Amino acid sequence: MVLAVGAGVGLPGLRPHRLRHTYATRLRQGGADPAQVQALLGHASLDTTARYFRAGAAEQAAVVERIFD
């Protein structure tokens, strides 16, 4: 069903986990702390949730720029 809806709106290959990852990433970017994201995703372990807190190079550069601008 997710694949069909994704294809219908121009997002071929959309999968449920991608939606979940986007949700977690947006929570993190919005300032949610790891424990809040853990609870909202239903993870038993904070180690599982920590995967959503790995920032890419562009995000790291944006943080540094925001802090030192």
Protein backbone atom coordinates (compact mmCIF):
# COMPACT_ATOMS: atom_id res chain seq x y z
CA MET A 1 0.00 0.00 0.00
CA VAL A 2 2.82 2.42 0.88
CA LEU A 3 4.55 1.63 -2.41
CA ALA A 4 1.34 2.39 -4.34
CA VAL A 5 0.69 5.67 -2.52
CA GLY A 6 4.32 6.72 -2.98
CA ALA A 7 4.21 5.96 -6.69
CA GLY A 8 0.97 7.92 -6.96
CA VAL A 9 2.59 11.07 -5.58
CA GLY A 10 5.89 10.74 -7.43
CA LEU A 11 7.90 8.92 -4.73
CA PRO A 12 8.64 5.54 -6.30
CA GLY A 13 10.11 2.97 -3.94
CA LEU A 14 8.66 4.55 -0.81
CA ARG A 15 8.76 2.08 2.08
CA PRO A 16 7.31 2.17 5.62
CA HIS A 17 10.75 2.29 7.20
CA ARG A 18 11.61 5.39 5.17
CA LEU A 19 8.56 7.13 6.60
CA ARG A 20 9.58 6.06 10.10
CA HIS A 21 13.13 7.31 9.55
CA THR A 22 11.84 10.66 8.28
CA TYR A 23 9.57 10.97 11.33
CA ALA A 24 12.46 10.29 13.72
CA THR A 25 14.80 12.64 11.87
CA ARG A 26 12.25 15.46 11.90
CA LEU A 27 11.66 14.94 15.63
CA ARG A 28 15.41 15.14 16.24
CA GLN A 29 15.81 18.22 14.05
CA GLY A 30 12.90 19.82 15.88
CA GLY A 31 14.71 19.50 19.19
CA ALA A 32 13.28 16.30 20.63
CA ASP A 33 15.73 14.63 22.95
CA PRO A 34 16.73 10.98 22.43
CA ALA A 35 14.41 9.71 25.19
CA GLN A 36 11.42 11.42 23.56
CA VAL A 37 12.23 9.97 20.15
CA GLN A 38 12.73 6.55 21.75
CA ALA A 39 9.29 6.71 23.37
CA LEU A 40 7.56 7.94 20.22
CA LEU A 41 9.14 5.21 18.08
CA GLY A 42 8.46 2.52 20.67
CA HIS A 43 12.07 1.40 20.91
CA ALA A 44 13.03 -0.67 23.93
CA SER A 45 16.66 0.42 23.73
CA LEU A 46 18.16 3.88 23.36
CA ASP A 47 20.89 2.23 21.28
CA THR A 48 18.29 1.51 18.59
CA THR A 49 17.10 5.10 18.63
CA ALA A 50 20.67 6.41 18.46
CA ARG A 51 20.82 5.37 14.79
CA TYR A 52 18.55 8.33 14.03
CA PHE A 53 20.98 10.75 15.69
CA ARG A 54 23.87 10.30 13.28
CA ALA A 55 24.31 13.56 11.45
CA GLY A 56 25.60 13.67 7.90
CA ALA A 57 28.34 16.02 6.72
CA ALA A 58 25.91 18.68 5.48
CA GLU A 59 24.01 18.67 8.78
CA GLN A 60 27.23 18.91 10.78
CA ALA A 61 28.40 21.84 8.65
CA ALA A 62 25.06 23.60 9.15
CA VAL A 63 25.33 23.22 12.93
CA VAL A 64 28.84 24.67 12.98
CA GLU A 65 27.76 27.54 10.74
CA ARG A 66 24.70 28.27 12.89
CA ILE A 67 26.78 28.32 16.07
CA PHE A 68 29.61 30.47 14.75
CA ASP A 69 27.64 32.85 12.54
